[in-house]
Amino acid sequence: MKARIPTKYDKFLTLQREEIARINKIWLFALYETYGFGNERLRKVYEEVCRLSEKAFDIPEIWYHVDQLLINKYDMAFFEPEDLKEREDALRQIHKENGRKWRCY
């Protein structure tokens, strides 16, 4: 039987998923409390967030469009614009530490 020891990256992904789930719960709760969203509307919002998250994972350039809309158009300057070069460098470093061949996501 082969035992697989979780890497730092695996632990990081687990923590990241847990934090994302908590943040999603807060958003859904805020929509319920503020606007009275019911089960169906909350489910639709959650599904759309999941769909966009998958798209953002496959196509990192989508963050530029999100930044354009939220930061520039709607003047939400409290958000920092995404730095895709920095994100790419961080992923490259994680793969290097885990002995994996780097690939762009």
C-alpha atoms as a PDB file:
ATOM      1  CA  MET A   1       0.000   0.000   0.000  1.00  0.00           C
ATOM      2  CA  LYS A   2       1.348   3.389  -0.985  1.00  0.00           C
ATOM      3  CA  ALA A   3       1.073   6.176   1.512  1.00  0.00           C
ATOM      4  CA  ARG A   4       0.831   9.702   0.227  1.00  0.00           C
ATOM      5  CA  ILE A   5       2.121  12.461   2.454  1.00  0.00           C
ATOM      6  CA  PRO A   6       0.274  15.747   1.908  1.00  0.00           C
ATOM      7  CA  THR A   7       2.529  18.492   0.587  1.00  0.00           C
ATOM      8  CA  LYS A   8       2.534  22.118   1.659  1.00  0.00           C
ATOM      9  CA  TYR A   9       0.574  22.893  -1.493  1.00  0.00           C
ATOM     10  CA  ASP A  10      -2.117  20.306  -0.622  1.00  0.00           C
ATOM     11  CA  LYS A  11      -2.473  21.782   2.863  1.00  0.00           C
ATOM     12  CA  PHE A  12      -2.610  25.274   1.380  1.00  0.00           C
ATOM     13  CA  LEU A  13      -5.403  24.247  -1.016  1.00  0.00           C
ATOM     14  CA  THR A  14      -7.409  22.706   1.818  1.00  0.00           C
ATOM     15  CA  LEU A  15      -7.126  25.859   3.924  1.00  0.00           C
ATOM     16  CA  GLN A  16      -7.942  27.987   0.908  1.00  0.00           C
ATOM     17  CA  ARG A  17     -11.109  25.979   0.168  1.00  0.00           C
ATOM     18  CA  GLU A  18     -12.223  26.277   3.789  1.00  0.00           C
ATOM     19  CA  GLU A  19     -11.712  30.054   3.757  1.00  0.00           C
ATOM     20  CA  ILE A  20     -13.554  30.405   0.444  1.00  0.00           C
ATOM     21  CA  ALA A  21     -16.476  28.412   1.851  1.00  0.00           C
ATOM     22  CA  ARG A  22     -16.601  30.695   4.907  1.00  0.00           C
ATOM     23  CA  ILE A  23     -16.518  33.826   2.770  1.00  0.00           C
ATOM     24  CA  ASN A  24     -19.282  32.459   0.537  1.00  0.00           C
ATOM     25  CA  LYS A  25     -21.423  31.771   3.617  1.00  0.00           C
ATOM     26  CA  ILE A  26     -20.923  35.360   4.776  1.00  0.00           C
ATOM     27  CA  TRP A  27     -21.908  36.746   1.352  1.00  0.00           C
ATOM     28  CA  LEU A  28     -25.015  34.588   1.212  1.00  0.00           C
ATOM     29  CA  PHE A  29     -25.968  35.508   4.761  1.00  0.00           C
ATOM     30  CA  ALA A  30     -25.485  39.223   3.973  1.00  0.00           C
ATOM     31  CA  LEU A  31     -27.726  38.914   0.907  1.00  0.00           C
ATOM     32  CA  TYR A  32     -30.354  37.189   3.034  1.00  0.00           C
ATOM     33  CA  GLU A  33     -30.186  39.765   5.832  1.00  0.00           C
ATOM     34  CA  THR A  34     -29.968  42.867   3.620  1.00  0.00           C
ATOM     35  CA  TYR A  35     -32.235  42.023   0.705  1.00  0.00           C
ATOM     36  CA  GLY A  36     -34.260  39.066   1.966  1.00  0.00           C
ATOM     37  CA  PHE A  37     -32.975  36.640  -0.653  1.00  0.00           C
ATOM     38  CA  GLY A  38     -34.688  33.286  -0.395  1.00  0.00           C
ATOM     39  CA  ASN A  39     -33.425  29.783  -1.034  1.00  0.00           C
ATOM     40  CA  GLU A  40     -33.742  29.937  -4.833  1.00  0.00           C
ATOM     41  CA  ARG A  41     -32.044  33.314  -5.244  1.00  0.00           C
ATOM     42  CA  LEU A  42     -29.237  32.402  -2.840  1.00  0.00           C
ATOM     43  CA  ARG A  43     -28.660  29.159  -4.723  1.00  0.00           C
ATOM     44  CA  LYS A  44     -28.513  31.039  -8.052  1.00  0.00           C
ATOM     45  CA  VAL A  45     -25.989  33.539  -6.664  1.00  0.00           C
ATOM     46  CA  TYR A  46     -23.866  30.721  -5.259  1.00  0.00           C
ATOM     47  CA  GLU A  47     -23.945  28.783  -8.540  1.00  0.00           C
ATOM     48  CA  GLU A  48     -22.965  31.909 -10.484  1.00  0.00           C
ATOM     49  CA  VAL A  49     -20.062  32.590  -8.111  1.00  0.00           C
ATOM     50  CA  CYS A  50     -18.882  28.988  -8.541  1.00  0.00           C
ATOM     51  CA  ARG A  51     -19.185  29.240 -12.327  1.00  0.00           C
ATOM     52  CA  LEU A  52     -17.225  32.490 -12.439  1.00  0.00           C
ATOM     53  CA  SER A  53     -14.616  31.092 -10.049  1.00  0.00           C
ATOM     54  CA  GLU A  54     -13.961  28.133 -12.330  1.00  0.00           C
ATOM     55  CA  LYS A  55     -13.759  30.473 -15.300  1.00  0.00           C
ATOM     56  CA  ALA A  56     -11.327  32.731 -13.429  1.00  0.00           C
ATOM     57  CA  PHE A  57      -9.168  29.717 -12.593  1.00  0.00           C
ATOM     58  CA  ASP A  58      -8.982  28.678 -16.253  1.00  0.00           C
ATOM     59  CA  ILE A  59      -8.723  32.200 -17.666  1.00  0.00           C
ATOM     60  CA  PRO A  60      -6.786  34.418 -15.219  1.00  0.00           C
ATOM     61  CA  GLU A  61      -7.228  37.466 -17.490  1.00  0.00           C
ATOM     62  CA  ILE A  62     -10.863  37.664 -16.363  1.00  0.00           C
ATOM     63  CA  TRP A  63      -9.577  39.484 -13.258  1.00  0.00           C
ATOM     64  CA  TYR A  64      -8.694  42.478 -15.404  1.00  0.00           C
ATOM     65  CA  HIS A  65     -12.326  42.706 -16.536  1.00  0.00           C
ATOM     66  CA  VAL A  66     -13.594  42.326 -12.967  1.00  0.00           C
ATOM     67  CA  ASP A  67     -11.192  45.055 -11.819  1.00  0.00           C
ATOM     68  CA  GLN A  68     -12.290  47.352 -14.647  1.00  0.00           C
ATOM     69  CA  LEU A  69     -15.918  47.010 -13.629  1.00  0.00           C
ATOM     70  CA  LEU A  70     -15.607  47.158  -9.845  1.00  0.00           C
ATOM     71  CA  ILE A  71     -12.666  49.505  -9.354  1.00  0.00           C
ATOM     72  CA  ASN A  72     -12.957  51.845 -12.313  1.00  0.00           C
ATOM     73  CA  LYS A  73     -16.638  51.893 -13.217  1.00  0.00           C
ATOM     74  CA  TYR A  74     -18.230  51.500  -9.777  1.00  0.00           C
ATOM     75  CA  ASP A  75     -15.441  53.316  -7.906  1.00  0.00           C
ATOM     76  CA  MET A  76     -14.736  50.564  -5.379  1.00  0.00           C
ATOM     77  CA  ALA A  77     -11.200  51.751  -4.750  1.00  0.00           C
ATOM     78  CA  PHE A  78     -10.914  49.689  -1.567  1.00  0.00           C
ATOM     79  CA  PHE A  79     -10.138  46.705  -3.841  1.00  0.00           C
ATOM     80  CA  GLU A  80      -6.582  46.243  -5.051  1.00  0.00           C
ATOM     81  CA  PRO A  81      -6.163  45.489  -8.770  1.00  0.00           C
ATOM     82  CA  GLU A  82      -4.961  41.955  -9.475  1.00  0.00           C
ATOM     83  CA  ASP A  83      -1.303  41.491 -10.384  1.00  0.00           C
ATOM     84  CA  LEU A  84      -1.241  38.418 -12.622  1.00  0.00           C
ATOM     85  CA  LYS A  85       2.560  38.449 -12.880  1.00  0.00           C
ATOM     86  CA  GLU A  86       2.854  38.205  -9.086  1.00  0.00           C
ATOM     87  CA  ARG A  87       0.263  35.398  -9.010  1.00  0.00           C
ATOM     88  CA  GLU A  88       2.129  33.487 -11.717  1.00  0.00           C
ATOM     89  CA  ASP A  89       5.432  33.866  -9.834  1.00  0.00           C
ATOM     90  CA  ALA A  90       3.826  32.586  -6.613  1.00  0.00           C
ATOM     91  CA  LEU A  91       2.453  29.501  -8.383  1.00  0.00           C
ATOM     92  CA  ARG A  92       5.852  28.864  -9.967  1.00  0.00           C
ATOM     93  CA  GLN A  93       7.496  29.051  -6.519  1.00  0.00           C
ATOM     94  CA  ILE A  94       4.961  26.661  -4.964  1.00  0.00           C
ATOM     95  CA  HIS A  95       5.572  24.098  -7.705  1.00  0.00           C
ATOM     96  CA  LYS A  96       9.327  24.482  -7.334  1.00  0.00           C
ATOM     97  CA  GLU A  97       9.118  23.830  -3.576  1.00  0.00           C
ATOM     98  CA  ASN A  98       6.997  20.716  -4.154  1.00  0.00           C
ATOM     99  CA  GLY A  99       9.244  19.354  -6.897  1.00  0.00           C
ATOM    100  CA  ARG A 100       6.562  19.569  -9.561  1.00  0.00           C
ATOM    101  CA  LYS A 101       6.889  20.829 -13.055  1.00  0.00           C
ATOM    102  CA  TRP A 102       5.354  24.308 -13.245  1.00  0.00           C
ATOM    103  CA  ARG A 103       2.442  24.962 -15.558  1.00  0.00           C
ATOM    104  CA  CYS A 104       0.291  28.017 -15.972  1.00  0.00           C
ATOM    105  CA  TYR A 105      -3.280  27.563 -14.786  1.00  0.00           C
END
